[in-house]
Amino acid sequence: MSVQIVQFGTEPQLVGEVEEAIRRLFTAIEEVAPEGIEYTAARIGDSSQFLLTLVLPDGVPNPLLSIPEAGVFRSRVGEWAGGPVPPSTLRFVGQYIA
């Protein structure tokens, strides 16, 4: 399993724009309906910070790369954040699942 995250902040006046872009992104993803992945977008509390998490099974290519709206969203993240925001890979040091 591979887990990638993107965390970024934006100006408070842009929060509504980012949230609307996330809604459009998820509508596009739901239309394509890629299987076997988990993708989450969240706003951290009432802040202007966002966290996106993508969980892929081992050996599965990222299907978001072939969804045009996902490319549009990725290109806008840098604008909202004021600079490039590369994804980071989570490396688990502990995990409990019941």
PDB file of N, CA and C in Angstrom:
ATOM      1  N   MET A   1       0.843  -1.166   0.000  1.00  0.00           N
ATOM      2  CA  MET A   1       0.000   0.000   0.000  1.00  0.00           C
ATOM      3  C   MET A   1       0.894   1.236   0.000  1.00  0.00           C
ATOM      4  N   SER A   2       0.530   2.216  -0.787  1.00  0.00           N
ATOM      5  CA  SER A   2       1.216   3.498  -0.851  1.00  0.00           C
ATOM      6  C   SER A   2       0.230   4.581  -0.419  1.00  0.00           C
ATOM      7  N   VAL A   3       0.691   5.476   0.449  1.00  0.00           N
ATOM      8  CA  VAL A   3      -0.152   6.588   0.891  1.00  0.00           C
ATOM      9  C   VAL A   3       0.584   7.886   0.592  1.00  0.00           C
ATOM     10  N   GLN A   4      -0.049   8.711  -0.216  1.00  0.00           N
ATOM     11  CA  GLN A   4       0.516  10.013  -0.571  1.00  0.00           C
ATOM     12  C   GLN A   4      -0.374  11.099   0.013  1.00  0.00           C
ATOM     13  N   ILE A   5       0.262  12.165   0.489  1.00  0.00           N
ATOM     14  CA  ILE A   5      -0.507  13.291   0.998  1.00  0.00           C
ATOM     15  C   ILE A   5      -0.039  14.578   0.334  1.00  0.00           C
ATOM     16  N   VAL A   6      -0.959  15.504   0.263  1.00  0.00           N
ATOM     17  CA  VAL A   6      -0.661  16.877  -0.139  1.00  0.00           C
ATOM     18  C   VAL A   6      -1.305  17.755   0.918  1.00  0.00           C
ATOM     19  N   GLN A   7      -0.500  18.594   1.541  1.00  0.00           N
ATOM     20  CA  GLN A   7      -1.021  19.522   2.534  1.00  0.00           C
ATOM     21  C   GLN A   7      -0.626  20.916   2.096  1.00  0.00           C
ATOM     22  N   PHE A   8      -1.605  21.821   2.106  1.00  0.00           N
ATOM     23  CA  PHE A   8      -1.313  23.193   1.709  1.00  0.00           C
ATOM     24  C   PHE A   8      -2.259  24.156   2.403  1.00  0.00           C
ATOM     25  N   GLY A   9      -1.806  25.380   2.489  1.00  0.00           N
ATOM     26  CA  GLY A   9      -2.626  26.454   3.022  1.00  0.00           C
ATOM     27  C   GLY A   9      -2.837  27.501   1.960  1.00  0.00           C
ATOM     28  N   THR A  10      -3.883  28.270   2.134  1.00  0.00           N
ATOM     29  CA  THR A  10      -4.187  29.335   1.195  1.00  0.00           C
ATOM     30  C   THR A  10      -4.673  30.547   1.970  1.00  0.00           C
ATOM     31  N   GLU A  11      -4.920  31.605   1.287  1.00  0.00           N
ATOM     32  CA  GLU A  11      -5.464  32.804   1.915  1.00  0.00           C
ATOM     33  C   GLU A  11      -6.912  32.539   2.315  1.00  0.00           C
ATOM     34  N   PRO A  12      -7.348  33.049   3.464  1.00  0.00           N
ATOM     35  CA  PRO A  12      -8.721  32.775   3.920  1.00  0.00           C
ATOM     36  C   PRO A  12      -9.797  33.112   2.896  1.00  0.00           C
ATOM     37  N   GLN A  13      -9.607  34.146   2.108  1.00  0.00           N
ATOM     38  CA  GLN A  13     -10.624  34.527   1.125  1.00  0.00           C
ATOM     39  C   GLN A  13     -10.714  33.535  -0.038  1.00  0.00           C
ATOM     40  N   LEU A  14      -9.760  32.598  -0.146  1.00  0.00           N
ATOM     41  CA  LEU A  14      -9.780  31.613  -1.228  1.00  0.00           C
ATOM     42  C   LEU A  14     -10.355  30.266  -0.800  1.00  0.00           C
ATOM     43  N   VAL A  15     -10.711  30.115   0.464  1.00  0.00           N
ATOM     44  CA  VAL A  15     -11.207  28.831   0.967  1.00  0.00           C
ATOM     45  C   VAL A  15     -12.424  28.353   0.176  1.00  0.00           C
ATOM     46  N   GLY A  16     -13.383  29.225  -0.085  1.00  0.00           N
ATOM     47  CA  GLY A  16     -14.577  28.838  -0.845  1.00  0.00           C
ATOM     48  C   GLY A  16     -14.221  28.362  -2.247  1.00  0.00           C
ATOM     49  N   GLU A  17     -13.287  29.027  -2.881  1.00  0.00           N
ATOM     50  CA  GLU A  17     -12.839  28.639  -4.226  1.00  0.00           C
ATOM     51  C   GLU A  17     -12.195  27.251  -4.200  1.00  0.00           C
ATOM     52  N   VAL A  18     -11.361  26.997  -3.207  1.00  0.00           N
ATOM     53  CA  VAL A  18     -10.712  25.689  -3.084  1.00  0.00           C
ATOM     54  C   VAL A  18     -11.761  24.608  -2.826  1.00  0.00           C
ATOM     55  N   GLU A  19     -12.689  24.876  -1.925  1.00  0.00           N
ATOM     56  CA  GLU A  19     -13.730  23.883  -1.632  1.00  0.00           C
ATOM     57  C   GLU A  19     -14.573  23.574  -2.869  1.00  0.00           C
ATOM     58  N   GLU A  20     -14.894  24.579  -3.646  1.00  0.00           N
ATOM     59  CA  GLU A  20     -15.661  24.348  -4.878  1.00  0.00           C
ATOM     60  C   GLU A  20     -14.845  23.525  -5.878  1.00  0.00           C
ATOM     61  N   ALA A  21     -13.559  23.806  -5.984  1.00  0.00           N
ATOM     62  CA  ALA A  21     -12.698  23.030  -6.877  1.00  0.00           C
ATOM     63  C   ALA A  21     -12.618  21.576  -6.420  1.00  0.00           C
ATOM     64  N   ILE A  22     -12.584  21.355  -5.117  1.00  0.00           N
ATOM     65  CA  ILE A  22     -12.575  19.981  -4.599  1.00  0.00           C
ATOM     66  C   ILE A  22     -13.877  19.274  -4.962  1.00  0.00           C
ATOM     67  N   ARG A  23     -15.001  19.960  -4.855  1.00  0.00           N
ATOM     68  CA  ARG A  23     -16.287  19.345  -5.249  1.00  0.00           C
ATOM     69  C   ARG A  23     -16.268  18.947  -6.727  1.00  0.00           C
ATOM     70  N   ARG A  24     -15.746  19.838  -7.586  1.00  0.00           N
ATOM     71  CA  ARG A  24     -15.658  19.513  -9.019  1.00  0.00           C
ATOM     72  C   ARG A  24     -14.725  18.327  -9.248  1.00  0.00           C
ATOM     73  N   LEU A  25     -13.616  18.310  -8.530  1.00  0.00           N
ATOM     74  CA  LEU A  25     -12.660  17.210  -8.644  1.00  0.00           C
ATOM     75  C   LEU A  25     -13.321  15.883  -8.289  1.00  0.00           C
ATOM     76  N   PHE A  26     -14.029  15.842  -7.168  1.00  0.00           N
ATOM     77  CA  PHE A  26     -14.644  14.588  -6.754  1.00  0.00           C
ATOM     78  C   PHE A  26     -15.790  14.179  -7.664  1.00  0.00           C
ATOM     79  N   THR A  27     -16.499  15.124  -8.254  1.00  0.00           N
ATOM     80  CA  THR A  27     -17.521  14.787  -9.247  1.00  0.00           C
ATOM     81  C   THR A  27     -16.874  14.093 -10.441  1.00  0.00           C
ATOM     82  N   ALA A  28     -15.742  14.625 -10.900  1.00  0.00           N
ATOM     83  CA  ALA A  28     -15.030  14.020 -12.034  1.00  0.00           C
ATOM     84  C   ALA A  28     -14.511  12.630 -11.679  1.00  0.00           C
ATOM     85  N   ILE A  29     -13.980  12.471 -10.474  1.00  0.00           N
ATOM     86  CA  ILE A  29     -13.481  11.161 -10.051  1.00  0.00           C
ATOM     87  C   ILE A  29     -14.621  10.158  -9.973  1.00  0.00           C
ATOM     88  N   GLU A  30     -15.748  10.567  -9.414  1.00  0.00           N
ATOM     89  CA  GLU A  30     -16.900   9.665  -9.311  1.00  0.00           C
ATOM     90  C   GLU A  30     -17.415   9.242 -10.677  1.00  0.00           C
ATOM     91  N   GLU A  31     -17.321  10.117 -11.680  1.00  0.00           N
ATOM     92  CA  GLU A  31     -17.744   9.762 -13.038  1.00  0.00           C
ATOM     93  C   GLU A  31     -16.852   8.677 -13.618  1.00  0.00           C
ATOM     94  N   VAL A  32     -15.547   8.764 -13.368  1.00  0.00           N
ATOM     95  CA  VAL A  32     -14.596   7.766 -13.869  1.00  0.00           C
ATOM     96  C   VAL A  32     -14.652   6.503 -13.011  1.00  0.00           C
ATOM     97  N   ALA A  33     -14.857   6.671 -11.711  1.00  0.00           N
ATOM     98  CA  ALA A  33     -14.988   5.578 -10.736  1.00  0.00           C
ATOM     99  C   ALA A  33     -13.809   4.604 -10.749  1.00  0.00           C
ATOM    100  N   PRO A  34     -12.581   5.114 -10.530  1.00  0.00           N
ATOM    101  CA  PRO A  34     -11.439   4.193 -10.460  1.00  0.00           C
ATOM    102  C   PRO A  34     -11.592   3.279  -9.240  1.00  0.00           C
ATOM    103  N   GLU A  35     -11.270   2.011  -9.427  1.00  0.00           N
ATOM    104  CA  GLU A  35     -11.443   1.036  -8.353  1.00  0.00           C
ATOM    105  C   GLU A  35     -10.156   0.833  -7.571  1.00  0.00           C
ATOM    106  N   GLY A  36     -10.310   0.465  -6.303  1.00  0.00           N
ATOM    107  CA  GLY A  36      -9.178   0.062  -5.488  1.00  0.00           C
ATOM    108  C   GLY A  36      -8.400   1.186  -4.840  1.00  0.00           C
ATOM    109  N   ILE A  37      -8.874   2.425  -4.947  1.00  0.00           N
ATOM    110  CA  ILE A  37      -8.161   3.534  -4.336  1.00  0.00           C
ATOM    111  C   ILE A  37      -9.038   4.171  -3.267  1.00  0.00           C
ATOM    112  N   GLU A  38      -8.394   4.922  -2.383  1.00  0.00           N
ATOM    113  CA  GLU A  38      -9.097   5.781  -1.443  1.00  0.00           C
ATOM    114  C   GLU A  38      -8.527   7.179  -1.634  1.00  0.00           C
ATOM    115  N   TYR A  39      -9.387   8.137  -1.832  1.00  0.00           N
ATOM    116  CA  TYR A  39      -8.939   9.515  -2.011  1.00  0.00           C
ATOM    117  C   TYR A  39      -9.798  10.395  -1.132  1.00  0.00           C
ATOM    118  N   THR A  40      -9.159  11.212  -0.331  1.00  0.00           N
ATOM    119  CA  THR A  40      -9.856  12.055   0.631  1.00  0.00           C
ATOM    120  C   THR A  40      -9.312  13.470   0.546  1.00  0.00           C
ATOM    121  N   ALA A  41     -10.206  14.434   0.632  1.00  0.00           N
ATOM    122  CA  ALA A  41      -9.810  15.837   0.738  1.00  0.00           C
ATOM    123  C   ALA A  41     -10.495  16.400   1.969  1.00  0.00           C
ATOM    124  N   ALA A  42      -9.749  17.126   2.781  1.00  0.00           N
ATOM    125  CA  ALA A  42     -10.303  17.674   4.009  1.00  0.00           C
ATOM    126  C   ALA A  42      -9.753  19.067   4.262  1.00  0.00           C
ATOM    127  N   ARG A  43     -10.569  19.847   4.922  1.00  0.00           N
ATOM    128  CA  ARG A  43     -10.131  21.142   5.439  1.00  0.00           C
ATOM    129  C   ARG A  43      -9.843  20.929   6.919  1.00  0.00           C
ATOM    130  N   ILE A  44      -8.745  21.451   7.384  1.00  0.00           N
ATOM    131  CA  ILE A  44      -8.330  21.239   8.767  1.00  0.00           C
ATOM    132  C   ILE A  44      -9.014  22.279   9.648  1.00  0.00           C
ATOM    133  N   GLY A  45      -9.992  21.808  10.420  1.00  0.00           N
ATOM    134  CA  GLY A  45     -10.764  22.695  11.295  1.00  0.00           C
ATOM    135  C   GLY A  45     -11.416  23.811  10.512  1.00  0.00           C
ATOM    136  N   ASP A  46     -11.388  25.005  11.078  1.00  0.00           N
ATOM    137  CA  ASP A  46     -11.931  26.183  10.409  1.00  0.00           C
ATOM    138  C   ASP A  46     -10.838  26.995   9.726  1.00  0.00           C
ATOM    139  N   SER A  47      -9.665  26.381   9.580  1.00  0.00           N
ATOM    140  CA  SER A  47      -8.523  27.092   9.009  1.00  0.00           C
ATOM    141  C   SER A  47      -8.609  27.126   7.485  1.00  0.00           C
ATOM    142  N   SER A  48      -7.601  27.700   6.881  1.00  0.00           N
ATOM    143  CA  SER A  48      -7.493  27.701   5.417  1.00  0.00           C
ATOM    144  C   SER A  48      -6.430  26.694   4.983  1.00  0.00           C
ATOM    145  N   GLN A  49      -6.277  25.632   5.772  1.00  0.00           N
ATOM    146  CA  GLN A  49      -5.345  24.535   5.490  1.00  0.00           C
ATOM    147  C   GLN A  49      -6.130  23.341   4.957  1.00  0.00           C
ATOM    148  N   PHE A  50      -5.577  22.674   3.956  1.00  0.00           N
ATOM    149  CA  PHE A  50      -6.225  21.516   3.344  1.00  0.00           C
ATOM    150  C   PHE A  50      -5.265  20.332   3.345  1.00  0.00           C
ATOM    151  N   LEU A  51      -5.833  19.144   3.417  1.00  0.00           N
ATOM    152  CA  LEU A  51      -5.074  17.904   3.389  1.00  0.00           C
ATOM    153  C   LEU A  51      -5.760  16.942   2.432  1.00  0.00           C
ATOM    154  N   LEU A  52      -4.998  16.453   1.466  1.00  0.00           N
ATOM    155  CA  LEU A  52      -5.497  15.450   0.535  1.00  0.00           C
ATOM    156  C   LEU A  52      -4.697  14.176   0.740  1.00  0.00           C
ATOM    157  N   THR A  53      -5.381  13.047   0.762  1.00  0.00           N
ATOM    158  CA  THR A  53      -4.747  11.757   1.010  1.00  0.00           C
ATOM    159  C   THR A  53      -5.171  10.781  -0.076  1.00  0.00           C
ATOM    160  N   LEU A  54      -4.198  10.121  -0.682  1.00  0.00           N
ATOM    161  CA  LEU A  54      -4.444   9.109  -1.709  1.00  0.00           C
ATOM    162  C   LEU A  54      -3.820   7.798  -1.257  1.00  0.00           C
ATOM    163  N   VAL A  55      -4.646   6.758  -1.177  1.00  0.00           N
ATOM    164  CA  VAL A  55      -4.179   5.428  -0.807  1.00  0.00           C
ATOM    165  C   VAL A  55      -4.291   4.542  -2.039  1.00  0.00           C
ATOM    166  N   LEU A  56      -3.153   3.961  -2.431  1.00  0.00           N
ATOM    167  CA  LEU A  56      -3.099   3.075  -3.600  1.00  0.00           C
ATOM    168  C   LEU A  56      -2.585   1.706  -3.169  1.00  0.00           C
ATOM    169  N   PRO A  57      -3.180   0.634  -3.675  1.00  0.00           N
ATOM    170  CA  PRO A  57      -2.595  -0.683  -3.428  1.00  0.00           C
ATOM    171  C   PRO A  57      -1.220  -0.766  -4.090  1.00  0.00           C
ATOM    172  N   ASP A  58      -0.352  -1.619  -3.564  1.00  0.00           N
ATOM    173  CA  ASP A  58       0.977  -1.800  -4.148  1.00  0.00           C
ATOM    174  C   ASP A  58       0.873  -2.153  -5.627  1.00  0.00           C
ATOM    175  N   GLY A  59       1.694  -1.505  -6.429  1.00  0.00           N
ATOM    176  CA  GLY A  59       1.774  -1.806  -7.846  1.00  0.00           C
ATOM    177  C   GLY A  59       0.686  -1.187  -8.697  1.00  0.00           C
ATOM    178  N   VAL A  60      -0.222  -0.446  -8.110  1.00  0.00           N
ATOM    179  CA  VAL A  60      -1.315   0.171  -8.870  1.00  0.00           C
ATOM    180  C   VAL A  60      -0.906   1.589  -9.248  1.00  0.00           C
ATOM    181  N   PRO A  61      -0.942   1.909 -10.538  1.00  0.00           N
ATOM    182  CA  PRO A  61      -0.594   3.276 -10.942  1.00  0.00           C
ATOM    183  C   PRO A  61      -1.674   4.256 -10.480  1.00  0.00           C
ATOM    184  N   ASN A  62      -1.294   5.489 -10.318  1.00  0.00           N
ATOM    185  CA  ASN A  62      -2.220   6.524  -9.869  1.00  0.00           C
ATOM    186  C   ASN A  62      -3.232   6.839 -10.974  1.00  0.00           C
ATOM    187  N   PRO A  63      -4.500   6.452 -10.801  1.00  0.00           N
ATOM    188  CA  PRO A  63      -5.498   6.703 -11.846  1.00  0.00           C
ATOM    189  C   PRO A  63      -5.879   8.173 -11.956  1.00  0.00           C
ATOM    190  N   LEU A  64      -5.572   8.965 -10.941  1.00  0.00           N
ATOM    191  CA  LEU A  64      -5.920  10.384 -10.999  1.00  0.00           C
ATOM    192  C   LEU A  64      -5.139  11.104 -12.095  1.00  0.00           C
ATOM    193  N   LEU A  65      -3.985  10.559 -12.457  1.00  0.00           N
ATOM    194  CA  LEU A  65      -3.160  11.192 -13.490  1.00  0.00           C
ATOM    195  C   LEU A  65      -3.852  11.215 -14.851  1.00  0.00           C
ATOM    196  N   SER A  66      -4.845  10.342 -15.047  1.00  0.00           N
ATOM    197  CA  SER A  66      -5.543  10.296 -16.333  1.00  0.00           C
ATOM    198  C   SER A  66      -6.896  11.013 -16.303  1.00  0.00           C
ATOM    199  N   ILE A  67      -7.218  11.676 -15.199  1.00  0.00           N
ATOM    200  CA  ILE A  67      -8.490  12.399 -15.087  1.00  0.00           C
ATOM    201  C   ILE A  67      -8.197  13.889 -15.280  1.00  0.00           C
ATOM    202  N   PRO A  68      -8.699  14.487 -16.364  1.00  0.00           N
ATOM    203  CA  PRO A  68      -8.364  15.887 -16.665  1.00  0.00           C
ATOM    204  C   PRO A  68      -8.635  16.853 -15.502  1.00  0.00           C
ATOM    205  N   GLU A  69      -9.752  16.717 -14.830  1.00  0.00           N
ATOM    206  CA  GLU A  69     -10.077  17.637 -13.735  1.00  0.00           C
ATOM    207  C   GLU A  69      -9.059  17.534 -12.597  1.00  0.00           C
ATOM    208  N   ALA A  70      -8.487  16.343 -12.399  1.00  0.00           N
ATOM    209  CA  ALA A  70      -7.451  16.177 -11.370  1.00  0.00           C
ATOM    210  C   ALA A  70      -6.201  16.961 -11.764  1.00  0.00           C
ATOM    211  N   GLY A  71      -5.879  16.980 -13.045  1.00  0.00           N
ATOM    212  CA  GLY A  71      -4.737  17.777 -13.518  1.00  0.00           C
ATOM    213  C   GLY A  71      -4.977  19.263 -13.336  1.00  0.00           C
ATOM    214  N   VAL A  72      -6.188  19.702 -13.618  1.00  0.00           N
ATOM    215  CA  VAL A  72      -6.541  21.106 -13.411  1.00  0.00           C
ATOM    216  C   VAL A  72      -6.396  21.451 -11.935  1.00  0.00           C
ATOM    217  N   PHE A  73      -6.914  20.581 -11.067  1.00  0.00           N
ATOM    218  CA  PHE A  73      -6.828  20.831  -9.632  1.00  0.00           C
ATOM    219  C   PHE A  73      -5.373  20.914  -9.174  1.00  0.00           C
ATOM    220  N   ARG A  74      -4.551  19.940  -9.612  1.00  0.00           N
ATOM    221  CA  ARG A  74      -3.130  19.944  -9.225  1.00  0.00           C
ATOM    222  C   ARG A  74      -2.446  21.249  -9.626  1.00  0.00           C
ATOM    223  N   SER A  75      -2.763  21.743 -10.807  1.00  0.00           N
ATOM    224  CA  SER A  75      -2.124  22.977 -11.266  1.00  0.00           C
ATOM    225  C   SER A  75      -2.572  24.189 -10.442  1.00  0.00           C
ATOM    226  N   ARG A  76      -3.774  24.154  -9.933  1.00  0.00           N
ATOM    227  CA  ARG A  76      -4.293  25.268  -9.132  1.00  0.00           C
ATOM    228  C   ARG A  76      -3.746  25.266  -7.707  1.00  0.00           C
ATOM    229  N   VAL A  77      -3.384  24.096  -7.170  1.00  0.00           N
ATOM    230  CA  VAL A  77      -2.888  24.018  -5.789  1.00  0.00           C
ATOM    231  C   VAL A  77      -1.701  24.957  -5.600  1.00  0.00           C
ATOM    232  N   GLY A  78      -0.782  24.963  -6.535  1.00  0.00           N
ATOM    233  CA  GLY A  78       0.372  25.852  -6.432  1.00  0.00           C
ATOM    234  C   GLY A  78      -0.031  27.320  -6.410  1.00  0.00           C
ATOM    235  N   GLU A  79      -1.046  27.675  -7.169  1.00  0.00           N
ATOM    236  CA  GLU A  79      -1.544  29.052  -7.170  1.00  0.00           C
ATOM    237  C   GLU A  79      -2.143  29.398  -5.812  1.00  0.00           C
ATOM    238  N   TRP A  80      -2.986  28.517  -5.290  1.00  0.00           N
ATOM    239  CA  TRP A  80      -3.626  28.770  -3.997  1.00  0.00           C
ATOM    240  C   TRP A  80      -2.603  28.843  -2.870  1.00  0.00           C
ATOM    241  N   ALA A  81      -1.587  27.983  -2.945  1.00  0.00           N
ATOM    242  CA  ALA A  81      -0.597  27.896  -1.869  1.00  0.00           C
ATOM    243  C   ALA A  81       0.511  28.933  -2.005  1.00  0.00           C
ATOM    244  N   GLY A  82       0.617  29.560  -3.165  1.00  0.00           N
ATOM    245  CA  GLY A  82       1.679  30.539  -3.371  1.00  0.00           C
ATOM    246  C   GLY A  82       2.997  29.922  -3.785  1.00  0.00           C
ATOM    247  N   GLY A  83       2.968  28.681  -4.248  1.00  0.00           N
ATOM    248  CA  GLY A  83       4.177  28.005  -4.710  1.00  0.00           C
ATOM    249  C   GLY A  83       3.931  26.522  -4.851  1.00  0.00           C
ATOM    250  N   PRO A  84       4.887  25.791  -5.391  1.00  0.00           N
ATOM    251  CA  PRO A  84       4.721  24.351  -5.616  1.00  0.00           C
ATOM    252  C   PRO A  84       4.446  23.592  -4.315  1.00  0.00           C
ATOM    253  N   VAL A  85       3.593  22.594  -4.424  1.00  0.00           N
ATOM    254  CA  VAL A  85       3.268  21.730  -3.278  1.00  0.00           C
ATOM    255  C   VAL A  85       3.359  20.284  -3.761  1.00  0.00           C
ATOM    256  N   PRO A  86       4.541  19.692  -3.688  1.00  0.00           N
ATOM    257  CA  PRO A  86       4.682  18.306  -4.149  1.00  0.00           C
ATOM    258  C   PRO A  86       4.040  17.344  -3.149  1.00  0.00           C
ATOM    259  N   PRO A  87       3.561  16.204  -3.645  1.00  0.00           N
ATOM    260  CA  PRO A  87       3.024  15.202  -2.719  1.00  0.00           C
ATOM    261  C   PRO A  87       4.146  14.589  -1.884  1.00  0.00           C
ATOM    262  N   SER A  88       3.778  14.132  -0.706  1.00  0.00           N
ATOM    263  CA  SER A  88       4.704  13.425   0.175  1.00  0.00           C
ATOM    264  C   SER A  88       4.185  12.010   0.377  1.00  0.00           C
ATOM    265  N   THR A  89       5.099  11.063   0.536  1.00  0.00           N
ATOM    266  CA  THR A  89       4.719   9.687   0.816  1.00  0.00           C
ATOM    267  C   THR A  89       4.777   9.468   2.316  1.00  0.00           C
ATOM    268  N   LEU A  90       3.693   8.926   2.874  1.00  0.00           N
ATOM    269  CA  LEU A  90       3.695   8.595   4.297  1.00  0.00           C
ATOM    270  C   LEU A  90       4.439   7.282   4.501  1.00  0.00           C
ATOM    271  N   ARG A  91       5.273   7.244   5.492  1.00  0.00           N
ATOM    272  CA  ARG A  91       5.979   6.031   5.883  1.00  0.00           C
ATOM    273  C   ARG A  91       5.510   5.695   7.300  1.00  0.00           C
ATOM    274  N   PHE A  92       4.685   4.665   7.390  1.00  0.00           N
ATOM    275  CA  PHE A  92       4.084   4.301   8.662  1.00  0.00           C
ATOM    276  C   PHE A  92       5.136   3.765   9.624  1.00  0.00           C
ATOM    277  N   VAL A  93       5.069   4.213  10.857  1.00  0.00           N
ATOM    278  CA  VAL A  93       5.928   3.698  11.900  1.00  0.00           C
ATOM    279  C   VAL A  93       5.097   2.938  12.944  1.00  0.00           C
ATOM    280  N   GLY A  94       3.820   2.999  12.810  1.00  0.00           N
ATOM    281  CA  GLY A  94       2.911   2.250  13.659  1.00  0.00           C
ATOM    282  C   GLY A  94       1.512   2.349  13.089  1.00  0.00           C
ATOM    283  N   GLN A  95       0.748   1.284  13.261  1.00  0.00           N
ATOM    284  CA  GLN A  95      -0.625   1.283  12.770  1.00  0.00           C
ATOM    285  C   GLN A  95      -1.388   0.198  13.517  1.00  0.00           C
ATOM    286  N   TYR A  96      -2.582   0.520  13.921  1.00  0.00           N
ATOM    287  CA  TYR A  96      -3.462  -0.447  14.579  1.00  0.00           C
ATOM    288  C   TYR A  96      -4.765  -0.477  13.820  1.00  0.00           C
ATOM    289  N   ILE A  97      -5.197  -1.643  13.396  1.00  0.00           N
ATOM    290  CA  ILE A  97      -6.480  -1.837  12.737  1.00  0.00           C
ATOM    291  C   ILE A  97      -7.171  -2.987  13.435  1.00  0.00           C
ATOM    292  N   ALA A  98      -8.373  -2.760  13.926  1.00  0.00           N
ATOM    293  CA  ALA A  98      -9.112  -3.815  14.621  1.00  0.00           C
ATOM    294  C   ALA A  98     -10.043  -4.524  13.664  1.00  0.00           C
TER     295      ALA A  98
END
